[in-house]
């Protein structure tokens, strides 16, 4: 794991907390976005824990640049709940989710393992509030755009998209919708192509922005079998 924060005290605290805990190993640190890009490309950590607000280059732009070179990187943003209206931009840049800086240690460790396993971190309560705050004044426009994008999906693809937005893994979606794991993976891939989206977080953002209108009829009249 790579730790990225402009405050030495924060990085030191995170290293003391995380290094060696439950299979986590810290491979490096960076104090700003530019250094984070260099370290992420050189060290190739599985997970990057990235602060949003930093000098020289912020975490949002650093995340986008890292993922342009390493699409397989899993990046988690650090944020403060009341201050960071940029959190939506962080998720749209391709981050797998975000953590609040006051997250209890046991929850922090569990969340990082979740991301390492390829699952996004979207708290149903906190994420919805952050998305609403970040899109204040533009909610109606973003809802129309989201629904236009979702209208490209079949009924079954909408069901899968909603399940992704609720944080379910492919295996959990397969069990919930009585589909094979291979079928779910195919649906997720088609959803990403149609929206378009680069990852599951961006699918979830689109569904959240669409609001209740997600339940509308699909573009075509295809049945909702797998």
C-alpha atoms as a PDB file:
ATOM      1  CA  UNK A   1       0.000   0.000   0.000  1.00  0.00           C
ATOM      2  CA  UNK A   2       1.096   3.559  -0.778  1.00  0.00           C
ATOM      3  CA  UNK A   3       0.229   6.366   1.674  1.00  0.00           C
ATOM      4  CA  UNK A   4      -0.301   9.824   0.169  1.00  0.00           C
ATOM      5  CA  UNK A   5      -0.883  12.864   2.407  1.00  0.00           C
ATOM      6  CA  UNK A   6       0.822  16.228   2.672  1.00  0.00           C
ATOM      7  CA  UNK A   7       0.863  16.045   6.482  1.00  0.00           C
ATOM      8  CA  UNK A   8       3.764  14.018   7.881  1.00  0.00           C
ATOM      9  CA  UNK A   9       1.853  13.435  11.120  1.00  0.00           C
ATOM     10  CA  UNK A  10      -1.059  11.861   9.246  1.00  0.00           C
ATOM     11  CA  UNK A  11       1.223   9.592   7.241  1.00  0.00           C
ATOM     12  CA  UNK A  12       3.110   8.537  10.368  1.00  0.00           C
ATOM     13  CA  UNK A  13      -0.108   7.754  12.183  1.00  0.00           C
ATOM     14  CA  UNK A  14      -1.452   5.721   9.274  1.00  0.00           C
ATOM     15  CA  UNK A  15       1.814   3.807   8.940  1.00  0.00           C
ATOM     16  CA  UNK A  16       1.855   2.941  12.647  1.00  0.00           C
ATOM     17  CA  UNK A  17      -1.765   1.842  12.431  1.00  0.00           C
ATOM     18  CA  UNK A  18      -1.695  -0.095   9.174  1.00  0.00           C
ATOM     19  CA  UNK A  19       1.794  -1.464   8.495  1.00  0.00           C
ATOM     20  CA  UNK A  20       1.742  -5.157   9.283  1.00  0.00           C
ATOM     21  CA  UNK A  21      -1.885  -5.097  10.416  1.00  0.00           C
ATOM     22  CA  UNK A  22      -3.913  -8.028   9.124  1.00  0.00           C
ATOM     23  CA  UNK A  23      -1.769  -8.593   6.043  1.00  0.00           C
ATOM     24  CA  UNK A  24      -1.269  -4.936   5.099  1.00  0.00           C
ATOM     25  CA  UNK A  25       2.231  -3.765   4.135  1.00  0.00           C
ATOM     26  CA  UNK A  26       3.136  -0.123   3.486  1.00  0.00           C
ATOM     27  CA  UNK A  27       5.566   0.059   0.567  1.00  0.00           C
ATOM     28  CA  UNK A  28       5.978   3.828   0.397  1.00  0.00           C
ATOM     29  CA  UNK A  29       4.764   7.357   1.143  1.00  0.00           C
ATOM     30  CA  UNK A  30       4.238  10.549  -0.852  1.00  0.00           C
ATOM     31  CA  UNK A  31       3.549  14.115   0.255  1.00  0.00           C
ATOM     32  CA  UNK A  32       1.759  15.443  -2.839  1.00  0.00           C
ATOM     33  CA  UNK A  33       0.072  14.357  -6.051  1.00  0.00           C
ATOM     34  CA  UNK A  34       3.136  14.556  -8.270  1.00  0.00           C
ATOM     35  CA  UNK A  35       5.157  12.388  -5.881  1.00  0.00           C
ATOM     36  CA  UNK A  36       2.187  10.002  -5.632  1.00  0.00           C
ATOM     37  CA  UNK A  37       2.144   9.460  -9.396  1.00  0.00           C
ATOM     38  CA  UNK A  38       5.873   8.716  -9.493  1.00  0.00           C
ATOM     39  CA  UNK A  39       5.655   6.343  -6.527  1.00  0.00           C
ATOM     40  CA  UNK A  40       2.544   4.541  -7.794  1.00  0.00           C
ATOM     41  CA  UNK A  41       4.088   3.888 -11.195  1.00  0.00           C
ATOM     42  CA  UNK A  42       7.464   2.885  -9.775  1.00  0.00           C
ATOM     43  CA  UNK A  43       6.355   0.798  -6.775  1.00  0.00           C
ATOM     44  CA  UNK A  44       3.085  -0.511  -8.294  1.00  0.00           C
ATOM     45  CA  UNK A  45       1.238  -0.913  -4.973  1.00  0.00           C
ATOM     46  CA  UNK A  46      -2.058  -2.823  -4.968  1.00  0.00           C
ATOM     47  CA  UNK A  47      -3.831  -0.004  -3.078  1.00  0.00           C
ATOM     48  CA  UNK A  48      -3.167   3.740  -2.822  1.00  0.00           C
ATOM     49  CA  UNK A  49      -4.629   5.681   0.103  1.00  0.00           C
ATOM     50  CA  UNK A  50      -4.786   9.234  -1.278  1.00  0.00           C
ATOM     51  CA  UNK A  51      -5.579  12.552   0.381  1.00  0.00           C
ATOM     52  CA  UNK A  52      -7.736  14.899  -1.722  1.00  0.00           C
ATOM     53  CA  UNK A  53      -6.253  18.286  -0.852  1.00  0.00           C
ATOM     54  CA  UNK A  54      -2.488  18.556  -1.363  1.00  0.00           C
ATOM     55  CA  UNK A  55       0.056  21.036  -2.779  1.00  0.00           C
ATOM     56  CA  UNK A  56       1.459  20.908  -6.326  1.00  0.00           C
ATOM     57  CA  UNK A  57      -1.204  18.425  -7.508  1.00  0.00           C
ATOM     58  CA  UNK A  58      -4.404  17.427  -5.713  1.00  0.00           C
ATOM     59  CA  UNK A  59      -5.508  13.856  -5.151  1.00  0.00           C
ATOM     60  CA  UNK A  60      -8.276  13.959  -7.752  1.00  0.00           C
ATOM     61  CA  UNK A  61      -5.987  14.851 -10.645  1.00  0.00           C
ATOM     62  CA  UNK A  62      -3.285  12.513  -9.347  1.00  0.00           C
ATOM     63  CA  UNK A  63      -5.806   9.667  -9.262  1.00  0.00           C
ATOM     64  CA  UNK A  64      -6.871  10.270 -12.856  1.00  0.00           C
ATOM     65  CA  UNK A  65      -3.261  10.345 -14.045  1.00  0.00           C
ATOM     66  CA  UNK A  66      -2.299   7.177 -12.149  1.00  0.00           C
ATOM     67  CA  UNK A  67      -5.293   5.275 -13.528  1.00  0.00           C
ATOM     68  CA  UNK A  68      -4.504   6.447 -17.058  1.00  0.00           C
ATOM     69  CA  UNK A  69      -1.194   4.582 -16.735  1.00  0.00           C
ATOM     70  CA  UNK A  70      -2.318   1.831 -14.352  1.00  0.00           C
ATOM     71  CA  UNK A  71      -6.034   1.036 -14.834  1.00  0.00           C
ATOM     72  CA  UNK A  72      -5.701  -1.860 -12.388  1.00  0.00           C
ATOM     73  CA  UNK A  73      -4.639   0.390  -9.481  1.00  0.00           C
ATOM     74  CA  UNK A  74      -7.115   0.623  -6.611  1.00  0.00           C
ATOM     75  CA  UNK A  75      -7.219   4.108  -5.160  1.00  0.00           C
ATOM     76  CA  UNK A  76      -9.083   5.184  -2.027  1.00  0.00           C
ATOM     77  CA  UNK A  77      -9.497   8.862  -1.228  1.00  0.00           C
ATOM     78  CA  UNK A  78      -9.107  10.383   2.238  1.00  0.00           C
ATOM     79  CA  UNK A  79     -11.569  13.158   2.990  1.00  0.00           C
ATOM     80  CA  UNK A  80     -13.223  15.165   5.724  1.00  0.00           C
ATOM     81  CA  UNK A  81     -17.009  14.927   5.591  1.00  0.00           C
ATOM     82  CA  UNK A  82     -17.981  18.584   5.880  1.00  0.00           C
ATOM     83  CA  UNK A  83     -15.180  20.096   3.820  1.00  0.00           C
ATOM     84  CA  UNK A  84     -14.708  18.071   0.671  1.00  0.00           C
ATOM     85  CA  UNK A  85     -17.258  18.972  -1.980  1.00  0.00           C
ATOM     86  CA  UNK A  86     -14.670  17.469  -4.351  1.00  0.00           C
ATOM     87  CA  UNK A  87     -15.558  13.931  -3.298  1.00  0.00           C
ATOM     88  CA  UNK A  88     -17.780  13.374  -6.343  1.00  0.00           C
ATOM     89  CA  UNK A  89     -14.913  14.424  -8.576  1.00  0.00           C
ATOM     90  CA  UNK A  90     -12.712  11.932  -6.744  1.00  0.00           C
ATOM     91  CA  UNK A  91     -15.104   9.103  -7.489  1.00  0.00           C
ATOM     92  CA  UNK A  92     -15.560  10.220 -11.087  1.00  0.00           C
ATOM     93  CA  UNK A  93     -11.779  10.229 -11.530  1.00  0.00           C
ATOM     94  CA  UNK A  94     -11.866   6.468 -10.984  1.00  0.00           C
ATOM     95  CA  UNK A  95     -11.214   6.087  -7.255  1.00  0.00           C
ATOM     96  CA  UNK A  96     -12.696   2.953  -5.721  1.00  0.00           C
ATOM     97  CA  UNK A  97     -14.260   4.981  -2.918  1.00  0.00           C
ATOM     98  CA  UNK A  98     -13.404   7.200  -0.003  1.00  0.00           C
ATOM     99  CA  UNK A  99     -12.640   7.068   3.701  1.00  0.00           C
ATOM    100  CA  UNK A 100     -13.238   9.716   6.307  1.00  0.00           C
ATOM    101  CA  UNK A 101     -10.116  10.671   8.249  1.00  0.00           C
ATOM    102  CA  UNK A 102     -11.871   9.843  11.521  1.00  0.00           C
ATOM    103  CA  UNK A 103     -12.791   6.305  10.430  1.00  0.00           C
ATOM    104  CA  UNK A 104     -12.275   3.873  13.358  1.00  0.00           C
ATOM    105  CA  UNK A 105      -9.150   1.735  12.860  1.00  0.00           C
ATOM    106  CA  UNK A 106     -11.009  -1.575  12.626  1.00  0.00           C
ATOM    107  CA  UNK A 107     -13.326  -0.144   9.953  1.00  0.00           C
ATOM    108  CA  UNK A 108     -10.408   1.409   8.082  1.00  0.00           C
ATOM    109  CA  UNK A 109      -8.571  -1.910   7.875  1.00  0.00           C
ATOM    110  CA  UNK A 110     -11.726  -3.765   6.810  1.00  0.00           C
ATOM    111  CA  UNK A 111     -12.456  -1.164   4.135  1.00  0.00           C
ATOM    112  CA  UNK A 112      -8.953  -1.359   2.687  1.00  0.00           C
ATOM    113  CA  UNK A 113      -9.228  -5.127   2.427  1.00  0.00           C
ATOM    114  CA  UNK A 114     -12.558  -4.664   0.672  1.00  0.00           C
ATOM    115  CA  UNK A 115     -10.924  -2.453  -1.944  1.00  0.00           C
ATOM    116  CA  UNK A 116      -7.956  -4.804  -2.279  1.00  0.00           C
ATOM    117  CA  UNK A 117     -10.475  -7.547  -3.106  1.00  0.00           C
ATOM    118  CA  UNK A 118     -11.876  -5.391  -5.899  1.00  0.00           C
ATOM    119  CA  UNK A 119     -14.988  -4.129  -4.167  1.00  0.00           C
ATOM    120  CA  UNK A 120     -15.896  -0.447  -4.063  1.00  0.00           C
ATOM    121  CA  UNK A 121     -16.564   1.409  -0.834  1.00  0.00           C
ATOM    122  CA  UNK A 122     -19.786   3.395  -0.994  1.00  0.00           C
ATOM    123  CA  UNK A 123     -21.495   3.923   2.332  1.00  0.00           C
ATOM    124  CA  UNK A 124     -25.222   4.197   1.491  1.00  0.00           C
ATOM    125  CA  UNK A 125     -25.745   7.035   3.972  1.00  0.00           C
ATOM    126  CA  UNK A 126     -22.551   9.082   3.740  1.00  0.00           C
ATOM    127  CA  UNK A 127     -22.066   8.680  -0.012  1.00  0.00           C
ATOM    128  CA  UNK A 128     -25.557   9.867  -0.890  1.00  0.00           C
ATOM    129  CA  UNK A 129     -25.088  12.985   1.266  1.00  0.00           C
ATOM    130  CA  UNK A 130     -21.722  13.730  -0.322  1.00  0.00           C
ATOM    131  CA  UNK A 131     -23.034  13.242  -3.840  1.00  0.00           C
ATOM    132  CA  UNK A 132     -25.951  15.587  -3.144  1.00  0.00           C
ATOM    133  CA  UNK A 133     -23.658  18.200  -1.588  1.00  0.00           C
ATOM    134  CA  UNK A 134     -21.194  18.001  -4.468  1.00  0.00           C
ATOM    135  CA  UNK A 135     -23.922  18.418  -7.093  1.00  0.00           C
ATOM    136  CA  UNK A 136     -25.877  21.173  -5.315  1.00  0.00           C
ATOM    137  CA  UNK A 137     -27.437  23.453  -7.917  1.00  0.00           C
ATOM    138  CA  UNK A 138     -26.892  20.910 -10.695  1.00  0.00           C
ATOM    139  CA  UNK A 139     -28.972  17.986  -9.436  1.00  0.00           C
ATOM    140  CA  UNK A 140     -31.752  18.285 -12.016  1.00  0.00           C
ATOM    141  CA  UNK A 141     -29.324  18.498 -14.936  1.00  0.00           C
ATOM    142  CA  UNK A 142     -27.231  15.599 -13.704  1.00  0.00           C
ATOM    143  CA  UNK A 143     -30.374  13.524 -13.136  1.00  0.00           C
ATOM    144  CA  UNK A 144     -31.480  14.078 -16.727  1.00  0.00           C
ATOM    145  CA  UNK A 145     -28.055  13.119 -18.045  1.00  0.00           C
ATOM    146  CA  UNK A 146     -27.905  10.020 -15.834  1.00  0.00           C
ATOM    147  CA  UNK A 147     -31.337   8.847 -16.923  1.00  0.00           C
ATOM    148  CA  UNK A 148     -30.455   9.399 -20.567  1.00  0.00           C
ATOM    149  CA  UNK A 149     -27.405   7.180 -20.102  1.00  0.00           C
ATOM    150  CA  UNK A 150     -29.351   4.536 -18.192  1.00  0.00           C
ATOM    151  CA  UNK A 151     -32.013   4.446 -20.901  1.00  0.00           C
ATOM    152  CA  UNK A 152     -29.461   2.559 -23.002  1.00  0.00           C
ATOM    153  CA  UNK A 153     -29.651  -0.442 -20.631  1.00  0.00           C
ATOM    154  CA  UNK A 154     -31.962  -3.424 -20.852  1.00  0.00           C
ATOM    155  CA  UNK A 155     -34.215  -4.290 -17.913  1.00  0.00           C
ATOM    156  CA  UNK A 156     -31.765  -6.924 -16.658  1.00  0.00           C
ATOM    157  CA  UNK A 157     -28.799  -4.590 -17.035  1.00  0.00           C
ATOM    158  CA  UNK A 158     -30.666  -2.009 -14.939  1.00  0.00           C
ATOM    159  CA  UNK A 159     -31.168  -4.598 -12.215  1.00  0.00           C
ATOM    160  CA  UNK A 160     -27.458  -5.383 -12.249  1.00  0.00           C
ATOM    161  CA  UNK A 161     -26.573  -1.675 -12.241  1.00  0.00           C
ATOM    162  CA  UNK A 162     -28.783  -1.079  -9.194  1.00  0.00           C
ATOM    163  CA  UNK A 163     -27.137  -4.011  -7.409  1.00  0.00           C
ATOM    164  CA  UNK A 164     -23.695  -2.594  -8.214  1.00  0.00           C
ATOM    165  CA  UNK A 165     -24.830   0.760  -6.807  1.00  0.00           C
ATOM    166  CA  UNK A 166     -25.749  -0.960  -3.547  1.00  0.00           C
ATOM    167  CA  UNK A 167     -22.188  -2.297  -3.261  1.00  0.00           C
ATOM    168  CA  UNK A 168     -22.885  -5.943  -4.121  1.00  0.00           C
ATOM    169  CA  UNK A 169     -20.075  -8.048  -5.534  1.00  0.00           C
ATOM    170  CA  UNK A 170     -20.543 -10.086  -8.716  1.00  0.00           C
ATOM    171  CA  UNK A 171     -21.091 -13.223  -6.647  1.00  0.00           C
ATOM    172  CA  UNK A 172     -23.733 -11.498  -4.519  1.00  0.00           C
ATOM    173  CA  UNK A 173     -25.492 -10.171  -7.619  1.00  0.00           C
ATOM    174  CA  UNK A 174     -25.486 -13.657  -9.140  1.00  0.00           C
ATOM    175  CA  UNK A 175     -27.151 -15.088  -6.020  1.00  0.00           C
ATOM    176  CA  UNK A 176     -29.660 -12.229  -5.762  1.00  0.00           C
ATOM    177  CA  UNK A 177     -30.751 -12.340  -9.419  1.00  0.00           C
ATOM    178  CA  UNK A 178     -30.345 -16.116  -9.911  1.00  0.00           C
ATOM    179  CA  UNK A 179     -27.711 -15.722 -12.588  1.00  0.00           C
ATOM    180  CA  UNK A 180     -24.377 -17.391 -13.234  1.00  0.00           C
ATOM    181  CA  UNK A 181     -21.249 -15.494 -12.243  1.00  0.00           C
ATOM    182  CA  UNK A 182     -20.153 -15.406 -15.895  1.00  0.00           C
ATOM    183  CA  UNK A 183     -23.486 -13.842 -16.901  1.00  0.00           C
ATOM    184  CA  UNK A 184     -23.143 -11.153 -14.246  1.00  0.00           C
ATOM    185  CA  UNK A 185     -19.619 -10.323 -15.431  1.00  0.00           C
ATOM    186  CA  UNK A 186     -20.945 -10.030 -18.981  1.00  0.00           C
ATOM    187  CA  UNK A 187     -23.748  -7.707 -17.876  1.00  0.00           C
ATOM    188  CA  UNK A 188     -21.340  -5.497 -15.893  1.00  0.00           C
ATOM    189  CA  UNK A 189     -19.041  -5.250 -18.909  1.00  0.00           C
ATOM    190  CA  UNK A 190     -21.932  -4.243 -21.179  1.00  0.00           C
ATOM    191  CA  UNK A 191     -23.132  -1.665 -18.645  1.00  0.00           C
ATOM    192  CA  UNK A 192     -19.658  -0.102 -18.541  1.00  0.00           C
ATOM    193  CA  UNK A 193     -19.590   0.038 -22.346  1.00  0.00           C
ATOM    194  CA  UNK A 194     -23.053   1.594 -22.655  1.00  0.00           C
ATOM    195  CA  UNK A 195     -22.896   4.286 -19.969  1.00  0.00           C
ATOM    196  CA  UNK A 196     -19.840   4.532 -20.502  1.00  0.00           C
ATOM    197  CA  UNK A 197     -18.062   3.880 -17.204  1.00  0.00           C
ATOM    198  CA  UNK A 198     -14.506   2.914 -16.319  1.00  0.00           C
ATOM    199  CA  UNK A 199     -15.351   1.082 -13.098  1.00  0.00           C
ATOM    200  CA  UNK A 200     -18.119   0.038 -10.709  1.00  0.00           C
ATOM    201  CA  UNK A 201     -17.950   3.296  -8.761  1.00  0.00           C
ATOM    202  CA  UNK A 202     -18.917   5.263 -11.853  1.00  0.00           C
ATOM    203  CA  UNK A 203     -21.862   2.912 -12.441  1.00  0.00           C
ATOM    204  CA  UNK A 204     -22.995   3.566  -8.883  1.00  0.00           C
ATOM    205  CA  UNK A 205     -22.683   7.345  -9.298  1.00  0.00           C
ATOM    206  CA  UNK A 206     -24.849   7.240 -12.418  1.00  0.00           C
ATOM    207  CA  UNK A 207     -27.534   5.205 -10.621  1.00  0.00           C
ATOM    208  CA  UNK A 208     -27.484   7.511  -7.575  1.00  0.00           C
ATOM    209  CA  UNK A 209     -27.738  10.602  -9.765  1.00  0.00           C
ATOM    210  CA  UNK A 210     -30.704   9.145 -11.635  1.00  0.00           C
ATOM    211  CA  UNK A 211     -32.581   8.888  -8.352  1.00  0.00           C
ATOM    212  CA  UNK A 212     -35.967   7.181  -8.334  1.00  0.00           C
ATOM    213  CA  UNK A 213     -36.234   7.434 -12.138  1.00  0.00           C
ATOM    214  CA  UNK A 214     -33.970   4.376 -12.431  1.00  0.00           C
ATOM    215  CA  UNK A 215     -37.104   2.238 -12.144  1.00  0.00           C
ATOM    216  CA  UNK A 216     -38.423   3.536 -15.495  1.00  0.00           C
ATOM    217  CA  UNK A 217     -38.823   1.380 -18.561  1.00  0.00           C
ATOM    218  CA  UNK A 218     -35.693   0.393 -20.488  1.00  0.00           C
ATOM    219  CA  UNK A 219     -34.930   1.629 -23.978  1.00  0.00           C
ATOM    220  CA  UNK A 220     -36.058  -1.613 -25.547  1.00  0.00           C
ATOM    221  CA  UNK A 221     -38.616  -4.200 -24.552  1.00  0.00           C
ATOM    222  CA  UNK A 222     -36.244  -7.040 -23.986  1.00  0.00           C
ATOM    223  CA  UNK A 223     -37.362  -9.439 -21.226  1.00  0.00           C
ATOM    224  CA  UNK A 224     -35.399  -9.345 -18.010  1.00  0.00           C
ATOM    225  CA  UNK A 225     -34.145 -12.918 -18.084  1.00  0.00           C
ATOM    226  CA  UNK A 226     -30.409 -13.448 -17.795  1.00  0.00           C
END
